[in-house]
């Protein structure tokens, strides 16, 4: 009988015979690491202008966001006199050391370190997290590689997919940098922390008992991080808090709540100092205690069910080419919901499908969504890629099973 030591030696020798690359790819983490390197290579291609992009200024690729507001808030915090701002405090806090070190006169003076953090650090790790979510939900290593791989190359897809568009040069200059996270906006960190929280919950589906507490601490900290970068994450954070309560109980809820509030503390302190209340958003807090302000704000609130109809009419008239892929994604999501729920369980279905639905639902009721679909749907894109991969994998498996059954029937005849 082969001993455990000799078995390990034989396995190591077999991996060496396969070659280092195949040995690396034979492990789930190794395959995801290679895909992370692929994402880094794609980022370098854009950053070094090997694939030209319009709208860039030196190292600055198209942003189209709130970078100037974030820089102004960072400066006010550094001066000790924080000013009211609609943006959350996460990205300005990330800017603080670079503002102090580089003393930028304009945002582009410090865009390089912010782009490195968002594009390479958070962007690279997001590939790994996407794979871990897919594997944790489905238990399929190869499916995890497909989901992570497609997310890794999404910037290239965004670069080439609109070759037919009359304004494709400007379109690719806008879309590719956003998908590559090659900017200093708050969307990439917020998406990264959301992915991190869901990845930890997916791993917790098959957790070891002694690791459960620290997994929940990580989940809570990640959810707090998502909110202090983008207040738009609040609905999906609320969904995940409810999920933890139902799936893991009160102790887990208290654990993630404590960790989340601890990470949220800087935002709470800022809100208290500037707006006089710890839990609020700059979008609605300029005149928090002014009744006339609330009446005006409610009339112009960006979230309203009527905006769903307006968004549908807008896409039908202005961007009809998006209707077909949108319907395909909805069909894939419905099929995936059925298959995941039946094959894996409701917890897996809630993580894979409930999370993007909880995020996109409120955003679809917002008029800014139709103005920048790529940016405002960013947190849902990795999940949609995993959903599409899962749906194709299940359907292809059923096709192969039917073919095999047909072949056996013909052979029996």
Foldseek 3Di string as FASTA:
>chain_A
DDDPVNVVVVVVVVLVVVPPLVSQCVDLVSLLLVLLVLLVVVVCCDQVCVPPAPPADNSRFDDPDCQVQLCVQLVCVVVVHGAQGQFFNLLSVVCNVVCVVQVDPDSVSRWVVLLCCLQNVLVSVLLVLLLLLLCLLPVDSVLSSQLSNCLSCVLVCQLPVVPVPPPSRNSNSHQSCLSSRRTNALLRLLLSLLSLLLSLVSCVVVDDPVCVLVSLLSNLLSLLRNCSSPVLCVQLSVLVLVLCCVPPNDVSSVSSPVSSVVNNVVQQVSCCVHQVGRDDGSVQRPPPPDPVSVVVCVVVPQFDPVLLVVLVVCCVVPPVVVPVVVVVLVVLLVLLLVCSCVPRRDSSSCSLRVSLCSSVVRVSRGNVCSVPVCSSSVSCVSSSSSSNSVSVVVVVVVVVVVVVVVVVVVVVD
